[in-house]
Protein backbone atom coordinates (compact mmCIF):
# COMPACT_ATOMS: atom_id res chain seq x y z
CA UNK A 1 0.00 0.00 0.00
CA UNK A 2 1.03 3.57 -0.46
CA UNK A 3 4.35 4.96 -1.45
CA UNK A 4 7.15 2.40 -1.73
CA UNK A 5 10.37 3.71 -0.28
CA UNK A 6 8.64 6.47 1.66
CA UNK A 7 6.60 4.51 4.19
CA UNK A 8 9.67 2.61 5.41
CA UNK A 9 11.45 5.79 6.50
CA UNK A 10 8.42 7.80 7.61
CA UNK A 11 8.61 6.95 11.30
CA UNK A 12 12.23 7.99 11.60
CA UNK A 13 11.75 11.11 9.53
CA UNK A 14 8.82 12.30 11.64
CA UNK A 15 10.54 11.34 14.88
CA UNK A 16 13.63 13.37 13.95
CA UNK A 17 11.83 16.33 12.37
CA UNK A 18 11.67 19.69 14.14
CA UNK A 19 7.96 19.23 14.84
CA UNK A 20 8.53 15.64 15.97
CA UNK A 21 11.20 16.76 18.41
CA UNK A 22 8.94 19.52 19.74
CA UNK A 23 6.02 17.14 20.24
CA UNK A 24 8.23 14.56 21.93
CA UNK A 25 9.64 17.31 24.16
CA UNK A 26 6.13 18.16 25.30
CA UNK A 27 5.39 14.51 26.09
CA UNK A 28 3.56 13.58 22.87
CA UNK A 29 5.88 10.82 21.64
CA UNK A 30 2.92 8.47 21.23
CA UNK A 31 1.22 10.96 18.96
CA UNK A 32 4.29 11.11 16.73
CA UNK A 33 4.27 7.31 16.48
CA UNK A 34 0.57 7.27 15.58
CA UNK A 35 1.12 9.95 12.94
CA UNK A 36 3.79 7.77 11.33
CA UNK A 37 1.70 4.60 11.27
CA UNK A 38 1.04 3.54 7.68
CA UNK A 39 -1.83 1.30 6.65
CA UNK A 40 -3.30 0.84 10.11
CA UNK A 41 -6.56 2.74 9.73
CA UNK A 42 -9.45 2.21 7.37
CA UNK A 43 -10.87 5.69 7.97
CA UNK A 44 -9.65 9.19 7.17
CA UNK A 45 -10.45 11.75 9.86
CA UNK A 46 -11.83 14.99 8.46
CA UNK A 47 -12.41 18.09 10.59
CA UNK A 48 -16.01 19.16 9.99
CA UNK A 49 -17.69 21.89 12.05
CA UNK A 50 -15.06 21.52 14.78
CA UNK A 51 -15.37 17.70 15.02
CA UNK A 52 -13.37 14.92 13.44
CA UNK A 53 -15.64 12.65 11.43
CA UNK A 54 -15.02 9.61 9.23
CA UNK A 55 -14.21 11.16 5.87
CA UNK A 56 -14.24 7.88 4.01
CA UNK A 57 -12.57 4.55 3.80
CA UNK A 58 -9.42 3.41 2.05
CA UNK A 59 -11.28 0.22 1.14
CA UNK A 60 -13.76 2.24 -0.91
CA UNK A 61 -10.98 3.93 -2.89
PDB file of N, CA and C in Angstrom:
ATOM      1  N   UNK A   1       0.829  -1.186   0.000  1.00  0.00           N
ATOM      2  CA  UNK A   1       0.000   0.000   0.000  1.00  0.00           C
ATOM      3  C   UNK A   1       0.871   1.246   0.000  1.00  0.00           C
ATOM      4  N   UNK A   2       0.425   2.263  -0.618  1.00  0.00           N
ATOM      5  CA  UNK A   2       1.031   3.569  -0.460  1.00  0.00           C
ATOM      6  C   UNK A   2       2.238   3.820  -1.314  1.00  0.00           C
ATOM      7  N   UNK A   3       3.195   4.457  -0.724  1.00  0.00           N
ATOM      8  CA  UNK A   3       4.353   4.964  -1.445  1.00  0.00           C
ATOM      9  C   UNK A   3       5.586   4.131  -1.116  1.00  0.00           C
ATOM     10  N   UNK A   4       5.962   3.216  -2.004  1.00  0.00           N
ATOM     11  CA  UNK A   4       7.146   2.404  -1.734  1.00  0.00           C
ATOM     12  C   UNK A   4       8.362   3.296  -1.512  1.00  0.00           C
ATOM     13  N   UNK A   5       9.172   2.939  -0.556  1.00  0.00           N
ATOM     14  CA  UNK A   5      10.369   3.710  -0.279  1.00  0.00           C
ATOM     15  C   UNK A   5      10.150   4.880   0.650  1.00  0.00           C
ATOM     16  N   UNK A   6       8.937   5.344   0.776  1.00  0.00           N
ATOM     17  CA  UNK A   6       8.642   6.474   1.660  1.00  0.00           C
ATOM     18  C   UNK A   6       8.132   5.958   3.002  1.00  0.00           C
ATOM     19  N   UNK A   7       7.205   5.015   2.961  1.00  0.00           N
ATOM     20  CA  UNK A   7       6.601   4.508   4.186  1.00  0.00           C
ATOM     21  C   UNK A   7       7.642   3.918   5.128  1.00  0.00           C
ATOM     22  N   UNK A   8       8.662   3.252   4.566  1.00  0.00           N
ATOM     23  CA  UNK A   8       9.671   2.611   5.405  1.00  0.00           C
ATOM     24  C   UNK A   8      10.454   3.609   6.261  1.00  0.00           C
ATOM     25  N   UNK A   9      10.676   4.807   5.755  1.00  0.00           N
ATOM     26  CA  UNK A   9      11.448   5.791   6.504  1.00  0.00           C
ATOM     27  C   UNK A   9      10.619   6.859   7.191  1.00  0.00           C
ATOM     28  N   UNK A  10       9.295   6.750   7.088  1.00  0.00           N
ATOM     29  CA  UNK A  10       8.424   7.795   7.608  1.00  0.00           C
ATOM     30  C   UNK A  10       8.541   7.964   9.117  1.00  0.00           C
ATOM     31  N   UNK A  11       8.531   6.866   9.848  1.00  0.00           N
ATOM     32  CA  UNK A  11       8.609   6.952  11.304  1.00  0.00           C
ATOM     33  C   UNK A  11       9.840   7.689  11.781  1.00  0.00           C
ATOM     34  N   UNK A  12      10.984   7.329  11.216  1.00  0.00           N
ATOM     35  CA  UNK A  12      12.235   7.986  11.603  1.00  0.00           C
ATOM     36  C   UNK A  12      12.268   9.444  11.208  1.00  0.00           C
ATOM     37  N   UNK A  13      11.750   9.728  10.009  1.00  0.00           N
ATOM     38  CA  UNK A  13      11.751  11.113   9.533  1.00  0.00           C
ATOM     39  C   UNK A  13      10.873  11.994  10.416  1.00  0.00           C
ATOM     40  N   UNK A  14       9.690  11.506  10.766  1.00  0.00           N
ATOM     41  CA  UNK A  14       8.817  12.301  11.639  1.00  0.00           C
ATOM     42  C   UNK A  14       9.408  12.431  13.033  1.00  0.00           C
ATOM     43  N   UNK A  15       9.953  11.344  13.547  1.00  0.00           N
ATOM     44  CA  UNK A  15      10.544  11.341  14.884  1.00  0.00           C
ATOM     45  C   UNK A  15      11.663  12.373  14.989  1.00  0.00           C
ATOM     46  N   UNK A  16      12.471  12.475  13.924  1.00  0.00           N
ATOM     47  CA  UNK A  16      13.633  13.365  13.947  1.00  0.00           C
ATOM     48  C   UNK A  16      13.352  14.769  13.420  1.00  0.00           C
ATOM     49  N   UNK A  17      12.154  15.002  12.911  1.00  0.00           N
ATOM     50  CA  UNK A  17      11.829  16.328  12.370  1.00  0.00           C
ATOM     51  C   UNK A  17      11.730  17.352  13.501  1.00  0.00           C
ATOM     52  N   UNK A  18      11.784  18.622  13.139  1.00  0.00           N
ATOM     53  CA  UNK A  18      11.670  19.686  14.144  1.00  0.00           C
ATOM     54  C   UNK A  18      10.354  19.545  14.900  1.00  0.00           C
ATOM     55  N   UNK A  19       9.261  19.362  14.175  1.00  0.00           N
ATOM     56  CA  UNK A  19       7.960  19.225  14.841  1.00  0.00           C
ATOM     57  C   UNK A  19       7.909  17.966  15.694  1.00  0.00           C
ATOM     58  N   UNK A  20       8.487  16.875  15.192  1.00  0.00           N
ATOM     59  CA  UNK A  20       8.525  15.637  15.971  1.00  0.00           C
ATOM     60  C   UNK A  20       9.289  15.814  17.263  1.00  0.00           C
ATOM     61  N   UNK A  21      10.419  16.501  17.198  1.00  0.00           N
ATOM     62  CA  UNK A  21      11.200  16.760  18.411  1.00  0.00           C
ATOM     63  C   UNK A  21      10.422  17.640  19.388  1.00  0.00           C
ATOM     64  N   UNK A  22       9.740  18.654  18.858  1.00  0.00           N
ATOM     65  CA  UNK A  22       8.943  19.522  19.740  1.00  0.00           C
ATOM     66  C   UNK A  22       7.845  18.721  20.429  1.00  0.00           C
ATOM     67  N   UNK A  23       7.106  17.934  19.658  1.00  0.00           N
ATOM     68  CA  UNK A  23       6.023  17.140  20.240  1.00  0.00           C
ATOM     69  C   UNK A  23       6.552  16.167  21.284  1.00  0.00           C
ATOM     70  N   UNK A  24       7.650  15.486  20.963  1.00  0.00           N
ATOM     71  CA  UNK A  24       8.230  14.558  21.935  1.00  0.00           C
ATOM     72  C   UNK A  24       8.675  15.301  23.186  1.00  0.00           C
ATOM     73  N   UNK A  25       9.210  16.499  23.019  1.00  0.00           N
ATOM     74  CA  UNK A  25       9.644  17.309  24.159  1.00  0.00           C
ATOM     75  C   UNK A  25       8.502  17.704  25.076  1.00  0.00           C
ATOM     76  N   UNK A  26       7.318  17.825  24.510  1.00  0.00           N
ATOM     77  CA  UNK A  26       6.128  18.160  25.302  1.00  0.00           C
ATOM     78  C   UNK A  26       5.382  16.915  25.779  1.00  0.00           C
ATOM     79  N   UNK A  27       5.982  15.737  25.580  1.00  0.00           N
ATOM     80  CA  UNK A  27       5.388  14.508  26.088  1.00  0.00           C
ATOM     81  C   UNK A  27       4.430  13.812  25.128  1.00  0.00           C
ATOM     82  N   UNK A  28       4.486  14.159  23.846  1.00  0.00           N
ATOM     83  CA  UNK A  28       3.564  13.578  22.873  1.00  0.00           C
ATOM     84  C   UNK A  28       4.255  12.584  21.943  1.00  0.00           C
ATOM     85  N   UNK A  29       5.172  11.804  22.472  1.00  0.00           N
ATOM     86  CA  UNK A  29       5.884  10.824  21.644  1.00  0.00           C
ATOM     87  C   UNK A  29       4.926   9.819  21.015  1.00  0.00           C
ATOM     88  N   UNK A  30       3.914   9.406  21.767  1.00  0.00           N
ATOM     89  CA  UNK A  30       2.921   8.468  21.231  1.00  0.00           C
ATOM     90  C   UNK A  30       2.177   9.041  20.039  1.00  0.00           C
ATOM     91  N   UNK A  31       1.913  10.321  20.073  1.00  0.00           N
ATOM     92  CA  UNK A  31       1.216  10.964  18.957  1.00  0.00           C
ATOM     93  C   UNK A  31       2.078  10.954  17.697  1.00  0.00           C
ATOM     94  N   UNK A  32       3.379  11.142  17.873  1.00  0.00           N
ATOM     95  CA  UNK A  32       4.287  11.113  16.727  1.00  0.00           C
ATOM     96  C   UNK A  32       4.291   9.707  16.126  1.00  0.00           C
ATOM     97  N   UNK A  33       4.292   8.689  16.969  1.00  0.00           N
ATOM     98  CA  UNK A  33       4.270   7.311  16.482  1.00  0.00           C
ATOM     99  C   UNK A  33       2.979   7.016  15.729  1.00  0.00           C
ATOM    100  N   UNK A  34       1.854   7.480  16.254  1.00  0.00           N
ATOM    101  CA  UNK A  34       0.572   7.267  15.584  1.00  0.00           C
ATOM    102  C   UNK A  34       0.546   7.981  14.240  1.00  0.00           C
ATOM    103  N   UNK A  35       1.092   9.188  14.189  1.00  0.00           N
ATOM    104  CA  UNK A  35       1.115   9.952  12.944  1.00  0.00           C
ATOM    105  C   UNK A  35       1.938   9.242  11.870  1.00  0.00           C
ATOM    106  N   UNK A  36       2.921   8.462  12.278  1.00  0.00           N
ATOM    107  CA  UNK A  36       3.794   7.772  11.334  1.00  0.00           C
ATOM    108  C   UNK A  36       3.272   6.402  10.931  1.00  0.00           C
ATOM    109  N   UNK A  37       2.226   5.932  11.575  1.00  0.00           N
ATOM    110  CA  UNK A  37       1.699   4.603  11.273  1.00  0.00           C
ATOM    111  C   UNK A  37       1.085   4.595   9.870  1.00  0.00           C
ATOM    112  N   UNK A  38       1.505   3.640   9.068  1.00  0.00           N
ATOM    113  CA  UNK A  38       1.044   3.535   7.682  1.00  0.00           C
ATOM    114  C   UNK A  38       0.202   2.277   7.522  1.00  0.00           C
ATOM    115  N   UNK A  39      -0.990   2.444   6.946  1.00  0.00           N
ATOM    116  CA  UNK A  39      -1.834   1.299   6.650  1.00  0.00           C
ATOM    117  C   UNK A  39      -2.516   0.664   7.841  1.00  0.00           C
ATOM    118  N   UNK A  40      -2.702   1.425   8.917  1.00  0.00           N
ATOM    119  CA  UNK A  40      -3.302   0.844  10.115  1.00  0.00           C
ATOM    120  C   UNK A  40      -4.740   1.307  10.360  1.00  0.00           C
ATOM    121  N   UNK A  41      -5.217   2.215   9.540  1.00  0.00           N
ATOM    122  CA  UNK A  41      -6.565   2.736   9.727  1.00  0.00           C
ATOM    123  C   UNK A  41      -7.343   2.625   8.430  1.00  0.00           C
ATOM    124  N   UNK A  42      -8.609   2.298   8.563  1.00  0.00           N
ATOM    125  CA  UNK A  42      -9.449   2.214   7.370  1.00  0.00           C
ATOM    126  C   UNK A  42     -10.251   3.485   7.160  1.00  0.00           C
ATOM    127  N   UNK A  43     -10.107   4.443   8.070  1.00  0.00           N
ATOM    128  CA  UNK A  43     -10.865   5.688   7.969  1.00  0.00           C
ATOM    129  C   UNK A  43      -9.920   6.881   7.876  1.00  0.00           C
ATOM    130  N   UNK A  44     -10.401   7.938   7.267  1.00  0.00           N
ATOM    131  CA  UNK A  44      -9.650   9.186   7.167  1.00  0.00           C
ATOM    132  C   UNK A  44     -10.387  10.234   7.988  1.00  0.00           C
ATOM    133  N   UNK A  45      -9.766  10.739   9.063  1.00  0.00           N
ATOM    134  CA  UNK A  45     -10.453  11.749   9.865  1.00  0.00           C
ATOM    135  C   UNK A  45     -10.486  13.094   9.130  1.00  0.00           C
ATOM    136  N   UNK A  46     -11.649  13.698   9.106  1.00  0.00           N
ATOM    137  CA  UNK A  46     -11.829  14.994   8.457  1.00  0.00           C
ATOM    138  C   UNK A  46     -12.466  15.939   9.473  1.00  0.00           C
ATOM    139  N   UNK A  47     -11.867  17.111   9.656  1.00  0.00           N
ATOM    140  CA  UNK A  47     -12.407  18.091  10.589  1.00  0.00           C
ATOM    141  C   UNK A  47     -13.598  18.787   9.937  1.00  0.00           C
ATOM    142  N   UNK A  48     -14.773  18.588  10.520  1.00  0.00           N
ATOM    143  CA  UNK A  48     -16.006  19.164   9.989  1.00  0.00           C
ATOM    144  C   UNK A  48     -16.755  19.835  11.131  1.00  0.00           C
ATOM    145  N   UNK A  49     -16.970  21.131  11.013  1.00  0.00           N
ATOM    146  CA  UNK A  49     -17.687  21.891  12.052  1.00  0.00           C
ATOM    147  C   UNK A  49     -17.082  21.703  13.437  1.00  0.00           C
ATOM    148  N   UNK A  50     -15.748  21.632  13.494  1.00  0.00           N
ATOM    149  CA  UNK A  50     -15.062  21.524  14.779  1.00  0.00           C
ATOM    150  C   UNK A  50     -14.951  20.114  15.328  1.00  0.00           C
ATOM    151  N   UNK A  51     -15.408  19.099  14.581  1.00  0.00           N
ATOM    152  CA  UNK A  51     -15.368  17.702  15.019  1.00  0.00           C
ATOM    153  C   UNK A  51     -14.670  16.866  13.971  1.00  0.00           C
ATOM    154  N   UNK A  52     -13.923  15.864  14.403  1.00  0.00           N
ATOM    155  CA  UNK A  52     -13.366  14.919  13.443  1.00  0.00           C
ATOM    156  C   UNK A  52     -14.416  13.867  13.142  1.00  0.00           C
ATOM    157  N   UNK A  53     -14.670  13.656  11.872  1.00  0.00           N
ATOM    158  CA  UNK A  53     -15.639  12.648  11.433  1.00  0.00           C
ATOM    159  C   UNK A  53     -14.954  11.733  10.427  1.00  0.00           C
ATOM    160  N   UNK A  54     -15.533  10.561  10.206  1.00  0.00           N
ATOM    161  CA  UNK A  54     -15.019   9.612   9.230  1.00  0.00           C
ATOM    162  C   UNK A  54     -15.219  10.201   7.840  1.00  0.00           C
ATOM    163  N   UNK A  55     -14.123  10.533   7.186  1.00  0.00           N
ATOM    164  CA  UNK A  55     -14.206  11.158   5.874  1.00  0.00           C
ATOM    165  C   UNK A  55     -14.224  10.171   4.739  1.00  0.00           C
ATOM    166  N   UNK A  56     -14.216   8.891   5.049  1.00  0.00           N
ATOM    167  CA  UNK A  56     -14.238   7.876   4.010  1.00  0.00           C
ATOM    168  C   UNK A  56     -13.347   6.722   4.376  1.00  0.00           C
ATOM    169  N   UNK A  57     -13.325   5.761   3.535  1.00  0.00           N
ATOM    170  CA  UNK A  57     -12.575   4.549   3.796  1.00  0.00           C
ATOM    171  C   UNK A  57     -11.573   4.294   2.679  1.00  0.00           C
ATOM    172  N   UNK A  58     -10.405   3.798   3.051  1.00  0.00           N
ATOM    173  CA  UNK A  58      -9.415   3.407   2.046  1.00  0.00           C
ATOM    174  C   UNK A  58      -9.957   2.251   1.213  1.00  0.00           C
ATOM    175  N   UNK A  59     -10.743   1.377   1.841  1.00  0.00           N
ATOM    176  CA  UNK A  59     -11.283   0.217   1.144  1.00  0.00           C
ATOM    177  C   UNK A  59     -12.195   0.636  -0.008  1.00  0.00           C
ATOM    178  N   UNK A  60     -12.841   1.768   0.122  1.00  0.00           N
ATOM    179  CA  UNK A  60     -13.760   2.236  -0.915  1.00  0.00           C
ATOM    180  C   UNK A  60     -13.016   2.869  -2.072  1.00  0.00           C
ATOM    181  N   UNK A  61     -11.762   3.238  -1.844  1.00  0.00           N
ATOM    182  CA  UNK A  61     -10.980   3.928  -2.890  1.00  0.00           C
ATOM    183  C   UNK A  61     -10.472   2.976  -3.949  1.00  0.00           C
TER     184      UNK A  61
END
